[in-house]
Protein backbone atom coordinates (compact mmCIF):
# COMPACT_ATOMS: atom_id res chain seq x y z
CA MET A 1 -0.11 0.02 0.00
CA LYS A 2 1.36 3.41 -1.04
CA ARG A 3 1.64 6.02 1.73
CA SER A 4 -0.24 9.26 1.03
CA LYS A 5 1.99 12.37 0.37
CA ILE A 6 0.80 15.61 2.03
CA GLU A 7 2.86 18.77 1.39
CA LEU A 8 2.50 22.54 1.08
CA GLY A 9 3.46 24.60 -1.88
CA ASP A 10 3.73 28.25 -2.87
CA ILE A 11 0.96 30.11 -4.51
CA THR A 12 2.07 31.58 -7.76
CA PRO A 13 0.42 33.25 -10.83
CA HIS A 14 0.38 29.90 -12.39
CA ASN A 15 -1.75 28.19 -9.83
CA ILE A 16 -3.73 31.17 -8.26
CA LYS A 17 -6.81 29.94 -10.13
CA GLN A 18 -6.71 26.72 -8.13
CA LEU A 19 -6.82 28.72 -5.01
CA LYS A 20 -9.86 30.73 -6.28
CA ARG A 21 -11.64 27.49 -7.25
CA LEU A 22 -10.83 25.90 -3.93
CA ASN A 23 -12.13 28.97 -1.99
CA THR A 24 -15.42 28.95 -3.87
CA VAL A 25 -15.96 25.33 -2.91
CA VAL A 26 -14.71 25.52 0.63
CA PHE A 27 -16.01 28.88 2.02
CA PRO A 28 -19.50 30.29 1.97
CA VAL A 29 -18.17 33.89 1.12
CA SER A 30 -16.38 35.05 -1.98
CA TYR A 31 -13.07 36.84 -2.07
CA ASN A 32 -12.29 39.90 -4.27
CA GLU A 33 -9.40 40.33 -6.68
CA LYS A 34 -7.46 42.41 -4.04
CA PHE A 35 -7.50 39.35 -1.77
CA TYR A 36 -5.76 37.26 -4.45
CA LYS A 37 -3.38 40.03 -5.46
CA ASP A 38 -2.30 40.23 -1.73
CA VAL A 39 -1.93 36.41 -1.47
CA LEU A 40 0.48 36.44 -4.41
CA GLU A 41 2.76 38.70 -2.51
CA ALA A 42 2.33 36.94 0.85
CA GLY A 43 5.20 34.47 0.38
CA GLU A 44 5.37 32.01 3.28
CA LEU A 45 1.97 33.35 4.66
CA ALA A 46 0.07 31.73 1.74
CA LYS A 47 0.33 28.14 0.91
CA LEU A 48 -1.51 25.48 -1.14
CA ALA A 49 -1.94 22.04 0.46
CA TYR A 50 -1.44 19.00 -1.76
CA TYR A 51 -2.57 15.45 -1.19
CA ASN A 52 -0.75 13.17 -3.60
CA ASP A 53 -0.05 16.15 -5.82
CA ILE A 54 -3.70 17.28 -5.86
CA VAL A 55 -4.59 20.74 -4.48
CA VAL A 56 -7.04 20.01 -1.61
CA GLY A 57 -6.51 22.99 0.74
CA ALA A 58 -4.96 26.27 1.37
CA VAL A 59 -3.98 28.70 4.11
CA CYS A 60 -3.65 32.50 3.58
CA CYS A 61 -2.53 34.90 6.27
CA ARG A 62 -1.56 38.48 6.65
CA ILE A 63 0.35 40.57 9.26
CA ASP A 64 -2.03 42.93 11.21
CA LEU A 65 -0.28 45.89 12.95
CA GLU A 66 -3.53 47.53 14.14
CA ILE A 67 -3.22 46.20 17.80
CA GLY A 68 0.23 45.09 18.46
CA ARG A 69 1.78 42.72 15.91
CA ARG A 70 -0.60 39.90 15.11
CA LEU A 71 -0.89 37.27 12.41
CA TYR A 72 -4.45 37.02 10.86
CA ILE A 73 -5.48 33.75 9.30
CA MET A 74 -7.70 35.09 6.41
CA THR A 75 -8.50 31.63 5.15
CA LEU A 76 -7.62 28.03 6.11
CA GLY A 77 -9.59 25.35 4.43
CA CYS A 78 -9.63 21.86 2.99
CA LEU A 79 -11.95 20.02 0.62
CA TYR A 80 -14.48 17.98 2.62
CA PRO A 81 -13.34 14.45 1.33
CA TYR A 82 -9.79 15.28 2.45
CA ARG A 83 -10.50 16.46 6.05
CA ARG A 84 -9.22 14.50 9.04
CA LEU A 85 -6.13 13.39 7.19
CA GLY A 86 -3.76 15.85 8.87
CA ILE A 87 -3.85 18.48 6.07
CA GLY A 88 -5.37 21.19 8.25
CA THR A 89 -3.04 20.38 11.08
CA MET A 90 -0.07 20.70 8.64
CA MET A 91 -1.33 24.17 7.54
CA VAL A 92 -1.86 25.30 11.24
CA GLN A 93 1.55 23.97 12.06
CA HIS A 94 3.09 25.85 9.17
CA VAL A 95 1.57 29.12 10.56
CA LEU A 96 2.73 28.29 14.10
CA ASN A 97 6.30 27.59 12.84
CA TYR A 98 6.27 30.86 10.93
CA VAL A 99 5.42 32.97 13.98
CA GLU A 100 7.79 31.01 16.29
CA LYS A 101 10.67 31.52 13.79
CA ASP A 102 9.83 35.22 13.49
CA GLY A 103 9.55 35.62 17.34
CA ASN A 104 7.87 39.00 17.23
CA PHE A 105 4.09 38.20 17.00
CA ASP A 106 1.88 38.89 19.99
CA SER A 107 -0.93 36.57 18.74
CA ILE A 108 -2.58 34.76 15.87
CA TYR A 109 -6.25 35.29 15.25
CA LEU A 110 -9.14 34.44 12.85
CA HIS A 111 -12.88 34.69 12.38
CA VAL A 112 -15.10 31.64 12.41
CA GLN A 113 -18.88 31.57 11.62
CA LEU A 114 -20.80 30.98 14.88
CA ASN A 115 -22.28 27.62 13.71
CA ASN A 116 -18.98 26.15 12.48
CA ASP A 117 -18.49 23.80 15.48
CA GLY A 118 -15.99 21.62 13.61
CA ALA A 119 -13.61 24.62 12.95
CA ILE A 120 -14.03 25.97 16.45
CA GLU A 121 -13.01 22.63 18.07
CA PHE A 122 -10.15 22.25 15.49
CA TYR A 123 -8.58 25.57 16.43
CA LYS A 124 -9.07 25.01 20.11
CA LYS A 125 -6.84 21.85 19.83
CA PHE A 126 -4.02 24.35 18.98
CA GLY A 127 -4.69 26.71 21.94
CA PHE A 128 -6.99 29.10 20.31
CA THR A 129 -9.76 30.51 22.40
CA ILE A 130 -12.91 32.52 21.72
CA VAL A 131 -12.20 36.09 22.62
CA GLU A 132 -15.05 38.04 21.07
CA THR A 133 -18.27 37.77 19.05
CA LYS A 134 -18.61 40.07 16.00
CA GLU A 135 -22.23 40.69 15.10
CA HIS A 136 -23.10 41.04 11.49
CA TYR A 137 -19.55 40.20 10.44
CA TYR A 138 -20.56 38.28 7.35
CA LYS A 139 -22.69 39.71 4.55
CA ARG A 140 -25.15 37.56 2.59
CA ILE A 141 -24.80 34.43 4.73
CA GLU A 142 -26.54 33.20 7.84
CA PRO A 143 -25.66 33.23 10.63
CA ALA A 144 -23.99 36.49 9.99
CA ASP A 145 -22.13 36.61 13.26
CA ALA A 146 -18.58 35.35 13.84
CA TYR A 147 -16.38 34.37 16.71
CA VAL A 148 -12.89 35.82 16.95
CA LEU A 149 -10.53 33.04 17.92
CA GLU A 150 -7.09 33.96 19.15
CA LYS A 151 -3.93 32.26 20.30
CA THR A 152 -1.76 34.47 22.49
CA LEU A 153 1.99 34.12 21.94
CA LYS A 154 3.55 36.70 24.04
CA SER A 155 2.50 37.79 27.44
CA ALA A 156 0.37 40.97 27.09
CA THR A 157 2.01 42.55 30.29
CA ASN A 158 4.99 44.70 29.74
CA ASN A 159 7.98 44.27 31.94
CA GLU A 160 8.36 47.90 32.99
CA GLY A 161 7.12 47.06 36.53
CA ASP A 162 9.89 44.50 37.02
CA SER A 163 12.65 46.94 35.88
CA LYS A 164 11.29 49.61 38.26
CA ASN A 165 11.43 47.09 41.20
CA ILE A 166 14.96 46.12 40.25
CA LYS A 167 16.03 49.90 40.07
CA SER A 168 14.40 50.58 43.45
CA SER A 169 16.17 47.70 45.15
CA ILE A 170 19.54 48.85 43.69
CA VAL A 171 18.90 52.39 45.01
CA SER A 172 17.87 51.25 48.48
């Protein structure tokens, strides 16, 4: 019996149409041309997932500097027949490895439709927690609300207090 081969590959102008097709099948929302233009420039933050050389999934992220330095998972999806084979895990692991290697991210976050229990449980396995509910996040799909799931990477507290304590003990 031949062992299945799962691997991640770059998204290029030559295979971007495969990503577009995959996204229309996997997600209930459509993405505009700017999304795909940004994905082409994302480098390691956007990958196609292959199962025996067939595109079956993808992950697309971007860096968000609005509140600290966070990585936003814009999309992470896999075709239904290929779920529970480790492909999603490989894509999340790629993201986790990226932020660990970089070392300067505060957290990773994403939006999940309220009724997508499978996705919520999947991300919880990697240490993501529900931190917020966004009402009317999605347009033209029901339910329109989304959870924000986040995995904190760095402590949110700054170390100023510690350095003040050290200074005061030196002075005393």
